[in-house]
């Protein structure tokens, strides 16, 4: 029987892989045999994540500390991975942040920070991984984690910098897919809906937000742990050769309304 999702022997970098969705997706790829690089700023956390993944899935996993707003740090981190594994087959650009405030109160610093992490950080990682690892061998899978808020506005939680940055990630995905498609590299984006993370826990637990979710999400609930995994595995798979430039909402139908 053909396993269309076998990632054995491949190396995957997952950014923002110290907590939350990044850790979940790293475990998902490891469950299919991929070796994992957990990349984030907090060294102790990513080392713990890597050790847990290696133990659970019998793959090689390491933590690499990196601030994706620092170009030199990104270049060095990618070189570290190449020195360790000799290849990078999959990149999941998951690192992100989110400033929530009325647009009229958002500061320049907040807007700049959002762009530096969510948009420019995604580009820095994609650029360096493509340059060092993927273009030379004519193969790669880049998966950018945008947001359903990169596709629509919202009235419940004002977050204009986040909308702008994630909207940028959506069209950056299309641009890179167009540019690198003939180099054997596919570039796609996942647009998650409401999932529990350390950044969203307090908001999603509030009574008013839960009532809003029941009205606005066709499935009438938040995303559960693991419900991004199949999308990540699908887009990372060698068999998904002709899937390129796709923007895939995983949002319980939120953006269908």
Protein backbone atom coordinates (compact mmCIF):
# COMPACT_ATOMS: atom_id res chain seq x y z
CA UNK A 1 0.00 0.00 0.00
CA UNK A 2 1.35 3.42 -0.95
CA UNK A 3 1.87 5.86 1.92
CA UNK A 4 1.39 9.20 0.22
CA UNK A 5 2.45 11.06 3.35
CA UNK A 6 5.72 9.28 4.19
CA UNK A 7 8.34 11.84 5.24
CA UNK A 8 11.02 9.39 6.36
CA UNK A 9 14.53 10.80 6.15
CA UNK A 10 13.36 14.33 5.43
CA UNK A 11 14.27 17.35 7.55
CA UNK A 12 11.68 19.90 8.59
CA UNK A 13 12.19 23.28 10.25
CA UNK A 14 9.22 24.57 12.23
CA UNK A 15 9.50 28.16 13.47
CA UNK A 16 7.70 29.34 16.58
CA UNK A 17 8.15 25.78 17.81
CA UNK A 18 8.38 26.41 21.55
CA UNK A 19 4.64 26.18 22.32
CA UNK A 20 1.20 25.78 20.77
CA UNK A 21 0.47 25.12 17.12
CA UNK A 22 4.13 24.93 16.11
CA UNK A 23 4.75 22.05 18.50
CA UNK A 24 1.61 20.28 17.30
CA UNK A 25 2.62 20.52 13.64
CA UNK A 26 6.20 19.44 14.41
CA UNK A 27 4.83 16.33 16.11
CA UNK A 28 2.58 15.70 13.11
CA UNK A 29 5.52 15.76 10.68
CA UNK A 30 7.60 13.62 13.02
CA UNK A 31 4.77 11.07 13.15
CA UNK A 32 5.34 10.58 9.41
CA UNK A 33 9.09 10.09 9.89
CA UNK A 34 10.52 13.61 9.43
CA UNK A 35 13.48 14.77 11.45
CA UNK A 36 12.60 18.02 13.21
CA UNK A 37 14.30 21.33 13.88
CA UNK A 38 12.37 23.25 16.52
CA UNK A 39 13.29 26.88 15.93
CA UNK A 40 12.37 29.74 18.28
CA UNK A 41 14.01 32.25 20.60
CA UNK A 42 13.76 30.40 23.92
CA UNK A 43 16.50 27.77 23.93
CA UNK A 44 15.36 25.83 26.97
CA UNK A 45 11.82 25.40 25.61
CA UNK A 46 12.84 24.27 22.14
CA UNK A 47 15.38 21.81 23.57
CA UNK A 48 12.58 20.31 25.69
CA UNK A 49 10.26 20.17 22.67
CA UNK A 50 12.96 18.51 20.54
CA UNK A 51 13.73 15.91 23.21
CA UNK A 52 10.03 15.07 23.56
CA UNK A 53 9.55 14.72 19.79
CA UNK A 54 12.61 12.49 19.44
CA UNK A 55 11.40 10.28 22.26
CA UNK A 56 7.81 9.99 20.98
CA UNK A 57 8.49 9.42 17.29
CA UNK A 58 11.96 7.86 17.13
CA UNK A 59 13.30 10.59 14.84
CA UNK A 60 16.19 13.00 15.21
CA UNK A 61 15.11 16.37 16.61
CA UNK A 62 17.12 19.40 17.69
CA UNK A 63 16.37 22.89 18.97
CA UNK A 64 17.94 25.87 17.21
CA UNK A 65 17.61 29.25 18.89
CA UNK A 66 16.92 32.06 16.44
CA UNK A 67 15.30 35.49 16.36
CA UNK A 68 13.65 35.64 12.94
CA UNK A 69 13.74 39.45 12.96
CA UNK A 70 17.56 39.24 12.70
CA UNK A 71 18.82 38.40 9.19
CA UNK A 72 22.28 37.32 10.38
CA UNK A 73 20.70 35.04 12.98
CA UNK A 74 18.45 33.46 10.34
CA UNK A 75 21.40 32.85 8.03
CA UNK A 76 23.38 31.28 10.87
CA UNK A 77 20.48 29.10 11.98
CA UNK A 78 19.90 27.71 8.51
CA UNK A 79 23.62 27.01 8.17
CA UNK A 80 23.51 25.16 11.52
CA UNK A 81 20.71 22.95 10.23
CA UNK A 82 22.58 22.25 6.99
CA UNK A 83 25.71 21.36 8.95
CA UNK A 84 23.70 18.99 11.14
CA UNK A 85 21.42 17.32 8.57
CA UNK A 86 22.80 18.25 5.15
CA UNK A 87 19.29 19.00 3.87
CA UNK A 88 16.11 20.97 4.55
CA UNK A 89 13.08 19.54 2.78
CA UNK A 90 10.25 21.27 4.65
CA UNK A 91 9.88 24.71 6.22
CA UNK A 92 6.83 25.66 8.27
CA UNK A 93 6.82 29.40 8.93
CA UNK A 94 4.71 29.44 12.08
CA UNK A 95 6.30 32.14 14.28
CA UNK A 96 4.00 35.07 14.87
CA UNK A 97 2.61 37.62 17.28
CA UNK A 98 -0.56 39.66 17.59
CA UNK A 99 -1.26 43.22 18.78
CA UNK A 100 -4.92 43.73 19.72
CA UNK A 101 -6.08 47.35 20.05
CA UNK A 102 -8.30 49.78 18.15
CA UNK A 103 -6.55 50.93 14.97
CA UNK A 104 -6.54 54.54 16.15
CA UNK A 105 -4.53 53.51 19.22
CA UNK A 106 -2.00 51.23 17.49
CA UNK A 107 1.51 52.65 17.72
CA UNK A 108 4.13 52.69 14.98
CA UNK A 109 6.21 50.33 17.12
CA UNK A 110 3.36 47.81 17.38
CA UNK A 111 2.76 47.87 13.63
CA UNK A 112 6.47 47.60 12.88
CA UNK A 113 6.91 44.68 15.29
CA UNK A 114 4.05 42.78 13.70
CA UNK A 115 5.52 43.22 10.23
CA UNK A 116 9.01 42.28 11.35
CA UNK A 117 7.88 38.99 12.88
CA UNK A 118 4.86 37.80 10.89
CA UNK A 119 5.67 39.06 7.41
CA UNK A 120 9.36 39.91 7.12
CA UNK A 121 10.31 37.01 9.41
CA UNK A 122 8.43 34.61 7.14
CA UNK A 123 10.24 36.04 4.13
CA UNK A 124 13.67 35.91 5.81
CA UNK A 125 13.26 32.23 6.64
CA UNK A 126 11.87 31.31 3.21
CA UNK A 127 14.59 33.25 1.40
CA UNK A 128 17.45 31.66 3.33
CA UNK A 129 16.11 28.09 3.29
CA UNK A 130 15.40 28.32 -0.43
CA UNK A 131 18.83 29.78 -1.13
CA UNK A 132 20.90 27.39 0.99
CA UNK A 133 18.93 24.17 0.82
CA UNK A 134 16.06 23.95 -1.66
CA UNK A 135 17.05 25.71 -4.89
CA UNK A 136 20.40 23.86 -5.09
CA UNK A 137 18.68 20.44 -5.03
CA UNK A 138 15.50 21.39 -6.90
CA UNK A 139 13.08 20.34 -4.16
CA UNK A 140 11.26 21.88 -1.21
CA UNK A 141 8.00 22.34 0.63
CA UNK A 142 7.39 25.72 2.24
CA UNK A 143 4.24 26.14 4.33
CA UNK A 144 3.43 29.61 5.62
CA UNK A 145 1.04 29.86 8.55
CA UNK A 146 -1.08 32.91 7.79
CA UNK A 147 -4.54 33.33 9.35
CA UNK A 148 -8.15 33.57 8.33
CA UNK A 149 -7.62 37.19 9.43
CA UNK A 150 -5.30 37.47 6.42
CA UNK A 151 -8.39 36.93 4.27
CA UNK A 152 -11.08 38.96 6.07
CA UNK A 153 -11.57 41.77 8.57
CA UNK A 154 -13.25 41.39 11.95
CA UNK A 155 -15.37 43.40 14.40
CA UNK A 156 -14.75 41.41 17.58
CA UNK A 157 -11.01 41.82 18.23
CA UNK A 158 -9.42 44.84 16.51
CA UNK A 159 -5.98 43.81 15.26
CA UNK A 160 -5.15 45.83 12.16
CA UNK A 161 -1.39 45.12 12.18
CA UNK A 162 -2.08 41.38 12.38
CA UNK A 163 -4.58 41.54 9.50
CA UNK A 164 -2.09 43.52 7.42
CA UNK A 165 0.84 41.21 8.15
CA UNK A 166 -1.09 37.99 7.58
CA UNK A 167 -2.65 39.41 4.41
CA UNK A 168 0.92 40.07 3.31
CA UNK A 169 1.85 36.47 4.09
CA UNK A 170 -1.04 35.26 1.90
CA UNK A 171 0.15 37.16 -1.15
CA UNK A 172 3.84 36.56 -0.38
CA UNK A 173 2.93 32.87 -0.59
CA UNK A 174 1.52 33.37 -4.07
CA UNK A 175 4.56 35.39 -5.14
CA UNK A 176 7.07 32.81 -3.94
CA UNK A 177 5.01 29.95 -5.39
CA UNK A 178 5.10 31.70 -8.75
CA UNK A 179 8.81 32.43 -8.56
CA UNK A 180 10.06 29.09 -7.26
CA UNK A 181 7.55 26.67 -8.77
CA UNK A 182 9.84 25.72 -11.66
CA UNK A 183 12.64 25.05 -9.15
CA UNK A 184 10.79 22.10 -7.59
CA UNK A 185 9.66 24.14 -4.60
CA UNK A 186 6.01 24.44 -3.63
CA UNK A 187 4.91 27.33 -1.42
CA UNK A 188 1.49 27.16 0.21
CA UNK A 189 -0.27 28.78 3.15
CA UNK A 190 -2.55 27.53 5.91
CA UNK A 191 -5.00 30.08 7.33
CA UNK A 192 -6.05 28.83 10.77
CA UNK A 193 -9.22 30.01 12.44
CA UNK A 194 -9.66 30.24 16.19
CA UNK A 195 -7.35 27.79 17.97
CA UNK A 196 -6.20 27.83 21.56
CA UNK A 197 -2.62 29.06 21.93
CA UNK A 198 -0.84 30.90 24.75
CA UNK A 199 -1.63 34.12 22.85
CA UNK A 200 -5.36 33.43 22.43
CA UNK A 201 -6.37 31.49 25.56
CA UNK A 202 -7.71 34.40 27.60
CA UNK A 203 -9.68 35.91 24.70
CA UNK A 204 -11.19 32.63 23.53
CA UNK A 205 -12.26 31.69 27.05
CA UNK A 206 -14.28 34.89 27.53
CA UNK A 207 -18.08 34.52 27.49
CA UNK A 208 -18.64 37.18 24.84
CA UNK A 209 -16.13 35.58 22.46
CA UNK A 210 -17.64 32.13 22.89
CA UNK A 211 -21.07 33.49 21.99
CA UNK A 212 -19.57 35.24 18.96
CA UNK A 213 -17.91 32.00 17.83
CA UNK A 214 -21.19 30.07 17.96
CA UNK A 215 -22.78 32.65 15.66
CA UNK A 216 -19.88 33.18 13.24
CA UNK A 217 -18.33 29.72 12.83
CA UNK A 218 -20.46 27.22 10.91
CA UNK A 219 -19.11 24.39 13.07
CA UNK A 220 -19.99 26.53 16.14
CA UNK A 221 -16.73 25.79 17.96
CA UNK A 222 -13.02 26.59 18.09
CA UNK A 223 -10.39 24.40 16.46
CA UNK A 224 -9.15 21.50 18.57
CA UNK A 225 -5.59 20.37 19.17
CA UNK A 226 -4.40 18.39 16.16
CA UNK A 227 -6.88 19.79 13.65
CA UNK A 228 -4.14 21.61 11.72
CA UNK A 229 -2.00 18.49 11.51
CA UNK A 230 -3.53 16.88 8.43
CA UNK A 231 -3.25 20.12 6.43
CA UNK A 232 0.44 20.46 7.36
CA UNK A 233 1.19 16.83 6.48
CA UNK A 234 -0.68 17.10 3.17
CA UNK A 235 1.19 20.23 2.06
CA UNK A 236 4.54 18.81 3.23
CA UNK A 237 4.13 15.50 1.41
CA UNK A 238 6.33 14.64 -1.57
CA UNK A 239 3.15 13.46 -3.34
CA UNK A 240 1.65 16.98 -3.25
CA UNK A 241 3.83 17.95 -6.19
CA UNK A 242 1.21 19.94 -8.11
CA UNK A 243 -0.25 21.80 -5.12
CA UNK A 244 1.36 25.23 -5.29
CA UNK A 245 0.28 28.72 -4.29
CA UNK A 246 -2.74 27.39 -2.38
CA UNK A 247 -4.28 29.35 0.47
CA UNK A 248 -5.99 26.77 2.69
CA UNK A 249 -8.33 27.99 5.45
CA UNK A 250 -8.69 25.61 8.41
CA UNK A 251 -11.34 27.60 10.22
CA UNK A 252 -14.49 25.54 10.69
CA UNK A 253 -16.04 27.42 7.80
CA UNK A 254 -15.60 30.96 9.19
CA UNK A 255 -14.42 32.42 5.87
CA UNK A 256 -17.22 30.64 3.97
CA UNK A 257 -19.79 33.05 5.41
